[in-house]
Amino acid sequence: MERRHFIRLSALTAPLMGWTDRLTTPKRKASGPIVISTWDFGKAANVEAWKILATGGRSLDAVEAGVKVPEADPDNHTVGYSGFPDRDGHVTLDACIMDEFGNCGSVMALEHVTHAISVARLVMEKTPHVVLAGEGAFQFAMSQGFKKENLLTPESEAAWKNWLMKEKYEPVMNIENKLWKDKPNDELPGGKHNHDTIGMLALDASNNLSGACTTSGMAFKMRGRVGDSPIIGAGLFVDNEIGAATSTGVGEEVIRCVGSHLVVEGMRQGLSPEDACRMAVERIVKKKPATAKNIQVGFLALNRSGEFGAFALQKGFSYAVRSGNVETVIPGKYYYNS
């Protein structure tokens, strides 16, 4: 029995063992609590999360507080309030959260509530379910004291109406790092500013991990479209024994490879966070090479030792880091050189 178990284990881990042998990426590591998040707008979110981590607070509280910053930012049209709507004019939000015990909660296609992440946490803590969607998610939020809001701001509505004149959906890479308000109106709809996500991972003073992920999804998407952000294992996964991972970019491709879970499993087999992210990116390239050349997907990971890293399909992905002695934005490494 022991020999058969060894043979099965060897067959499962052999591909990843090859990665461990051939990759020698230098490790980035923090001592003590740390929070990391996707994109340069994650820097402001990290500030709020750090207020909790720096005082010995729980990583779960930190990630919730952190991502609420972009959710409430009227100038951020990819997360929460003022997010670009779907093609029918509805702002729908997706979010999930996961703690050190493996508890998780998620909302999909939630309308009229800015802080989708807080609703997701209450799904985790106050219901027997993991996911609530659409009208059911909204009804639950109302029952928990949230107020109904109009999330469609005049600026987002104007961009949507402009898009309606063209009705051409073209996701473009790395729009998260561009300030939409500095662009002419005719460059906005259906293009450079049509998504994306903030994913945040934190390790607290008790050496426990948690993660959060929240988005308004791709601008002018089909009514009812849900990406990877609220899907546990795709947009976010936390295993307190090993590490945590989150993703950003075109969610359909992340879902197809259950990307964040794949990254954590890579770390379980001995890969560094960056190399585990690289492995997931290469999995996407292998599955759909023609598609991968024209989209962006990025993964971000943090292990329980405080090591962190990221990897993306394309140049332009960045991530923000905050620890006791570091506060910075780091350009992510990438697969395609052109």
Protein backbone atom coordinates (compact mmCIF):
# COMPACT_ATOMS: atom_id res chain seq x y z
CA MET A 1 0.00 0.00 0.00
CA GLU A 2 2.80 2.41 0.90
CA ARG A 3 4.59 1.69 -2.39
CA ARG A 4 1.40 2.27 -4.45
CA HIS A 5 0.81 5.55 -2.56
CA PHE A 6 4.38 6.66 -3.34
CA ILE A 7 3.97 5.87 -7.04
CA ARG A 8 0.71 7.84 -7.26
CA LEU A 9 2.25 10.79 -5.41
CA SER A 10 5.29 10.76 -7.68
CA ALA A 11 3.11 10.83 -10.78
CA LEU A 12 1.18 13.82 -9.48
CA THR A 13 4.16 15.87 -8.37
CA ALA A 14 6.69 15.07 -11.08
CA PRO A 15 5.77 17.99 -13.38
CA LEU A 16 6.04 20.47 -10.50
CA MET A 17 9.29 18.92 -9.27
CA GLY A 18 10.73 19.74 -12.67
CA TRP A 19 9.80 23.37 -12.12
CA THR A 20 11.51 23.38 -8.75
CA ASP A 21 14.68 22.06 -10.34
CA ARG A 22 14.91 24.56 -13.16
CA LEU A 23 13.69 27.78 -11.58
CA THR A 24 15.90 29.81 -9.26
CA THR A 25 13.98 33.08 -8.98
CA PRO A 26 15.32 35.29 -6.19
CA LYS A 27 12.79 35.45 -3.37
CA ARG A 28 11.15 38.62 -2.07
CA LYS A 29 10.35 38.27 1.60
CA ALA A 30 8.97 40.35 4.44
CA SER A 31 9.56 39.78 8.14
CA GLY A 32 6.38 40.22 10.13
CA PRO A 33 2.96 41.25 8.81
CA ILE A 34 2.58 42.14 5.14
CA VAL A 35 -0.17 43.08 2.72
CA ILE A 36 0.06 42.90 -1.07
CA SER A 37 -2.50 43.84 -3.72
CA THR A 38 -2.92 44.03 -7.47
CA TRP A 39 -2.21 47.16 -9.50
CA ASP A 40 -0.82 50.50 -8.37
CA PHE A 41 -4.17 51.63 -7.00
CA GLY A 42 -3.60 48.86 -4.48
CA LYS A 43 -1.11 51.14 -2.73
CA ALA A 44 -3.89 53.25 -1.19
CA ALA A 45 -5.82 50.11 -0.28
CA ASN A 46 -2.74 48.71 1.46
CA VAL A 47 -2.52 51.81 3.65
CA GLU A 48 -5.92 51.05 5.14
CA ALA A 49 -5.15 47.37 5.55
CA TRP A 50 -1.85 48.19 7.23
CA LYS A 51 -3.60 50.17 9.96
CA ILE A 52 -5.05 46.87 11.15
CA LEU A 53 -1.99 44.69 10.60
CA ALA A 54 0.36 47.14 12.31
CA THR A 55 -1.66 46.97 15.53
CA GLY A 56 -1.78 43.18 15.64
CA GLY A 57 -5.13 42.85 13.93
CA ARG A 58 -6.45 39.91 11.97
CA SER A 59 -5.60 39.52 8.30
CA LEU A 60 -9.27 39.00 7.44
CA ASP A 61 -10.20 42.40 8.87
CA ALA A 62 -7.24 43.96 7.05
CA VAL A 63 -8.14 42.70 3.57
CA GLU A 64 -11.78 43.69 3.95
CA ALA A 65 -10.87 47.21 5.07
CA GLY A 66 -8.24 47.51 2.36
CA VAL A 67 -10.34 46.66 -0.66
CA LYS A 68 -13.18 48.86 0.56
CA VAL A 69 -11.00 51.83 -0.42
CA PRO A 70 -11.17 51.29 -4.20
CA GLU A 71 -14.77 50.04 -3.87
CA ALA A 72 -15.75 53.53 -2.64
CA ASP A 73 -13.47 55.53 -4.96
CA PRO A 74 -15.58 57.45 -7.52
CA ASP A 75 -12.54 57.83 -9.77
CA ASN A 76 -12.00 54.09 -10.03
CA HIS A 77 -14.33 52.74 -12.71
CA THR A 78 -13.31 49.11 -12.34
CA VAL A 79 -14.32 48.40 -8.73
CA GLY A 80 -17.45 49.16 -6.71
CA TYR A 81 -19.14 52.57 -6.79
CA SER A 82 -18.87 54.23 -10.22
CA GLY A 83 -17.92 50.99 -11.92
CA PHE A 84 -18.67 50.83 -15.61
CA PRO A 85 -22.02 49.08 -16.20
CA ASP A 86 -22.93 46.07 -18.29
CA ARG A 87 -24.21 46.63 -21.80
CA ASP A 88 -27.75 47.19 -20.46
CA GLY A 89 -26.63 49.93 -18.06
CA HIS A 90 -26.55 47.95 -14.79
CA VAL A 91 -23.54 48.19 -12.46
CA THR A 92 -23.04 44.67 -11.10
CA LEU A 93 -20.38 43.76 -8.57
CA ASP A 94 -18.54 40.51 -7.84
CA ALA A 95 -16.48 39.81 -4.73
CA CYS A 96 -15.15 37.04 -2.52
CA ILE A 97 -13.24 36.71 0.73
CA MET A 98 -11.44 33.82 2.43
CA ASP A 99 -9.89 33.43 5.88
CA GLU A 100 -7.20 31.33 7.55
CA PHE A 101 -9.65 28.57 8.44
CA GLY A 102 -10.78 27.98 4.86
CA ASN A 103 -14.06 29.80 5.42
CA CYS A 104 -15.16 31.74 2.36
CA GLY A 105 -18.00 33.88 1.07
CA SER A 106 -18.90 35.32 -2.30
CA VAL A 107 -21.41 37.51 -4.09
CA MET A 108 -22.01 37.57 -7.82
CA ALA A 109 -23.87 40.12 -9.94
CA LEU A 110 -24.74 42.19 -6.87
CA GLU A 111 -26.42 45.54 -7.58
CA HIS A 112 -27.02 48.72 -5.54
CA VAL A 113 -24.43 48.05 -2.80
CA THR A 114 -20.97 49.67 -2.88
CA HIS A 115 -19.15 47.34 -0.52
CA ALA A 116 -19.65 43.97 -2.13
CA ILE A 117 -16.71 42.61 -0.12
CA SER A 118 -18.54 43.24 3.15
CA VAL A 119 -21.62 41.45 1.87
CA ALA A 120 -19.40 38.54 0.84
CA ARG A 121 -17.97 38.38 4.35
CA LEU A 122 -21.45 38.24 5.86
CA VAL A 123 -22.38 35.43 3.46
CA MET A 124 -19.39 33.59 4.91
CA GLU A 125 -20.18 34.36 8.54
CA LYS A 126 -23.98 34.41 8.72
CA THR A 127 -25.24 31.89 6.17
CA PRO A 128 -24.63 28.18 5.52
CA HIS A 129 -23.69 29.05 1.93
CA VAL A 130 -20.59 30.18 0.08
CA VAL A 131 -22.18 32.09 -2.81
CA LEU A 132 -25.22 34.34 -3.18
CA ALA A 133 -26.03 35.83 -6.57
CA GLY A 134 -28.09 38.56 -8.18
CA GLU A 135 -31.37 39.51 -6.54
CA GLY A 136 -30.79 37.03 -3.74
CA ALA A 137 -27.47 38.66 -2.86
CA PHE A 138 -29.15 42.07 -2.86
CA GLN A 139 -32.00 40.89 -0.64
CA PHE A 140 -29.49 39.44 1.82
CA ALA A 141 -27.53 42.71 1.87
CA MET A 142 -30.71 44.65 2.65
CA SER A 143 -31.51 42.24 5.47
CA GLN A 144 -28.10 42.96 6.97
CA GLY A 145 -28.59 46.72 7.07
CA PHE A 146 -26.93 47.83 3.86
CA LYS A 147 -28.52 50.78 2.07
CA LYS A 148 -29.69 50.68 -1.53
CA GLU A 149 -27.54 52.97 -3.66
CA ASN A 150 -27.28 54.11 -7.25
CA LEU A 151 -23.81 52.97 -8.30
CA LEU A 152 -24.03 54.41 -11.82
CA THR A 153 -22.34 57.82 -11.64
CA PRO A 154 -22.79 60.47 -14.36
CA GLU A 155 -19.29 59.79 -15.70
CA SER A 156 -19.84 56.05 -15.97
CA GLU A 157 -23.25 56.59 -17.53
CA ALA A 158 -21.77 58.94 -20.12
CA ALA A 159 -19.11 56.38 -21.04
CA TRP A 160 -21.77 53.68 -21.39
CA LYS A 161 -23.95 55.86 -23.63
CA ASN A 162 -20.94 56.66 -25.76
CA TRP A 163 -20.23 52.96 -26.07
CA LEU A 164 -23.82 52.30 -27.15
CA MET A 165 -23.17 54.35 -30.28
CA LYS A 166 -20.43 51.89 -31.27
CA GLU A 167 -21.33 48.70 -29.44
CA LYS A 168 -17.88 47.28 -29.98
CA TYR A 169 -16.50 45.23 -27.11
CA GLU A 170 -12.71 45.15 -27.12
CA PRO A 171 -10.91 44.30 -23.86
CA VAL A 172 -7.51 45.97 -23.87
CA MET A 173 -4.57 45.03 -21.72
CA ASN A 174 -3.41 46.90 -18.63
CA ILE A 175 -6.16 49.49 -18.53
CA GLU A 176 -5.93 49.44 -14.74
CA ASN A 177 -2.79 51.58 -14.81
CA LYS A 178 -4.23 54.33 -17.00
CA LEU A 179 -6.15 57.32 -15.72
CA TRP A 180 -9.34 57.27 -17.73
CA LYS A 181 -10.12 60.92 -16.98
CA ASP A 182 -7.01 62.01 -18.90
CA LYS A 183 -8.21 60.35 -22.09
CA PRO A 184 -10.57 61.72 -24.73
CA ASN A 185 -14.09 60.37 -24.41
CA ASP A 186 -13.86 58.49 -27.68
CA GLU A 187 -11.05 56.35 -26.23
CA LEU A 188 -13.05 55.22 -23.21
CA PRO A 189 -15.91 52.88 -24.08
CA GLY A 190 -15.30 49.23 -24.78
CA GLY A 191 -11.57 49.64 -24.72
CA LYS A 192 -8.74 50.83 -22.56
CA HIS A 193 -10.69 51.27 -19.35
CA ASN A 194 -13.06 48.36 -19.34
CA HIS A 195 -11.93 46.39 -16.28
CA ASP A 196 -10.43 45.20 -13.63
CA THR A 197 -10.01 43.80 -10.18
CA ILE A 198 -8.32 44.45 -6.89
CA GLY A 199 -7.08 41.28 -5.24
CA MET A 200 -5.47 41.60 -1.81
CA LEU A 201 -3.57 39.09 0.34
CA ALA A 202 -2.37 39.63 3.91
CA LEU A 203 -0.28 37.82 6.51
CA ASP A 204 -0.82 39.03 10.07
CA ALA A 205 1.29 38.99 13.24
CA SER A 206 -0.20 35.61 14.20
CA ASN A 207 1.14 34.22 10.91
CA ASN A 208 -2.34 33.76 9.48
CA LEU A 209 -3.34 34.45 5.88
CA SER A 210 -6.53 35.90 4.38
CA GLY A 211 -7.51 37.27 1.00
CA ALA A 212 -10.14 39.41 -0.72
CA CYS A 213 -11.05 40.09 -4.33
CA THR A 214 -13.60 42.60 -5.66
CA THR A 215 -14.54 44.12 -9.01
CA SER A 216 -17.27 45.63 -11.13
CA GLY A 217 -16.13 43.31 -13.91
CA MET A 218 -15.56 44.05 -17.56
CA ALA A 219 -17.22 47.20 -18.78
CA PHE A 220 -20.24 46.75 -21.03
CA LYS A 221 -20.21 42.99 -20.48
CA MET A 222 -23.23 40.86 -21.30
CA ARG A 223 -25.96 41.04 -18.68
CA GLY A 224 -25.24 38.34 -16.12
CA ARG A 225 -21.60 37.81 -17.01
CA VAL A 226 -19.44 36.76 -14.06
CA GLY A 227 -15.67 36.51 -14.20
CA ASP A 228 -13.16 34.83 -11.92
CA SER A 229 -13.20 37.41 -9.11
CA PRO A 230 -15.99 35.89 -6.97
CA ILE A 231 -15.05 32.27 -7.68
CA ILE A 232 -13.11 30.59 -4.89
CA GLY A 233 -10.12 28.82 -6.45
CA ALA A 234 -10.15 31.01 -9.56
CA GLY A 235 -9.93 34.65 -8.48
CA LEU A 236 -8.80 33.86 -4.93
CA PHE A 237 -7.59 30.96 -2.84
CA VAL A 238 -6.14 30.75 0.67
CA ASP A 239 -4.56 27.71 2.33
CA ASN A 240 -3.14 28.75 5.68
CA GLU A 241 -0.66 25.87 5.70
CA ILE A 242 0.91 27.01 2.43
CA GLY A 243 -0.03 30.42 1.05
CA ALA A 244 -2.57 32.50 -0.81
CA ALA A 245 -3.05 33.70 -4.37
CA THR A 246 -5.27 36.05 -6.34
CA SER A 247 -5.66 37.01 -9.98
CA THR A 248 -6.54 39.87 -12.26
CA GLY A 249 -7.25 40.27 -15.95
CA VAL A 250 -9.55 38.35 -18.26
CA GLY A 251 -11.39 36.10 -15.84
CA GLU A 252 -12.61 33.54 -18.35
CA GLU A 253 -9.05 32.26 -18.83
CA VAL A 254 -8.40 32.18 -15.07
CA ILE A 255 -11.56 30.13 -14.52
CA ARG A 256 -10.50 27.62 -17.15
CA CYS A 257 -7.39 26.69 -15.19
CA VAL A 258 -8.72 27.40 -11.66
CA GLY A 259 -5.76 29.76 -11.51
CA SER A 260 -5.39 30.85 -7.89
CA HIS A 261 -5.77 27.30 -6.60
CA LEU A 262 -3.18 26.21 -9.16
CA VAL A 263 -0.74 28.82 -7.84
CA VAL A 264 -1.21 27.68 -4.23
CA GLU A 265 -0.70 24.07 -5.23
CA GLY A 266 2.51 25.10 -6.98
CA MET A 267 3.74 26.64 -3.73
CA ARG A 268 2.74 23.45 -1.92
CA GLN A 269 5.15 21.55 -4.18
CA GLY A 270 8.01 23.89 -3.34
CA LEU A 271 7.76 26.66 -5.91
CA SER A 272 8.38 30.23 -4.85
CA PRO A 273 5.35 32.55 -5.11
CA GLU A 274 6.67 34.10 -8.32
CA ASP A 275 7.47 30.77 -9.94
CA ALA A 276 4.06 29.39 -8.96
CA CYS A 277 2.45 32.39 -10.65
CA ARG A 278 4.62 31.83 -13.71
CA MET A 279 3.52 28.20 -13.87
CA ALA A 280 -0.15 29.27 -13.92
CA VAL A 281 0.51 31.82 -16.64
CA GLU A 282 2.25 29.20 -18.76
CA ARG A 283 -0.72 26.90 -18.25
CA ILE A 284 -2.95 29.56 -19.81
CA VAL A 285 -0.55 29.98 -22.73
CA LYS A 286 -0.45 26.23 -23.31
CA LYS A 287 -4.22 25.86 -23.28
CA LYS A 288 -5.05 28.78 -25.59
CA PRO A 289 -1.90 30.31 -27.12
CA ALA A 290 -3.69 32.42 -29.71
CA THR A 291 -5.95 33.97 -27.07
CA ALA A 292 -3.16 34.47 -24.55
CA LYS A 293 -1.19 36.75 -26.88
CA ASN A 294 -3.95 39.34 -26.90
CA ILE A 295 -5.15 39.46 -23.31
CA GLN A 296 -3.77 40.21 -19.87
CA VAL A 297 -3.86 37.90 -16.88
CA GLY A 298 -1.75 38.39 -13.79
CA PHE A 299 -1.32 36.30 -10.65
CA LEU A 300 -0.14 37.47 -7.24
CA ALA A 301 0.93 35.16 -4.41
CA LEU A 302 2.07 35.21 -0.80
CA ASN A 303 3.28 32.24 1.22
CA ARG A 304 3.16 31.70 4.95
CA SER A 305 6.85 32.56 5.29
CA GLY A 306 6.16 36.09 4.03
CA GLU A 307 7.60 35.49 0.57
CA PHE A 308 5.66 37.10 -2.26
CA GLY A 309 5.74 37.40 -6.02
CA ALA A 310 3.74 37.85 -9.21
CA PHE A 311 3.77 36.97 -12.88
CA ALA A 312 1.62 38.05 -15.84
CA LEU A 313 1.03 37.30 -19.49
CA GLN A 314 1.95 40.80 -20.65
CA LYS A 315 4.09 43.72 -19.60
CA GLY A 316 2.21 46.32 -17.56
CA PHE A 317 0.93 44.39 -14.57
CA SER A 318 2.01 45.84 -11.23
CA TYR A 319 1.39 45.10 -7.58
CA ALA A 320 1.60 47.06 -4.34
CA VAL A 321 3.40 45.92 -1.19
CA ARG A 322 3.22 47.20 2.40
CA SER A 323 5.12 45.82 5.38
CA GLY A 324 6.93 47.21 8.38
CA ASN A 325 9.71 48.74 6.32
CA VAL A 326 8.44 48.63 2.72
CA GLU A 327 5.75 50.58 0.89
CA THR A 328 6.12 50.32 -2.86
CA VAL A 329 4.68 49.33 -6.22
CA ILE A 330 6.55 46.61 -8.10
CA PRO A 331 6.34 45.89 -11.84
CA GLY A 332 5.37 42.27 -12.36
CA LYS A 333 7.44 39.99 -14.57
CA TYR A 334 5.73 38.74 -17.70
CA TYR A 335 5.67 36.01 -20.32
CA TYR A 336 5.49 37.88 -23.64
CA ASN A 337 8.35 40.23 -24.49
CA SER A 338 6.45 42.21 -27.10
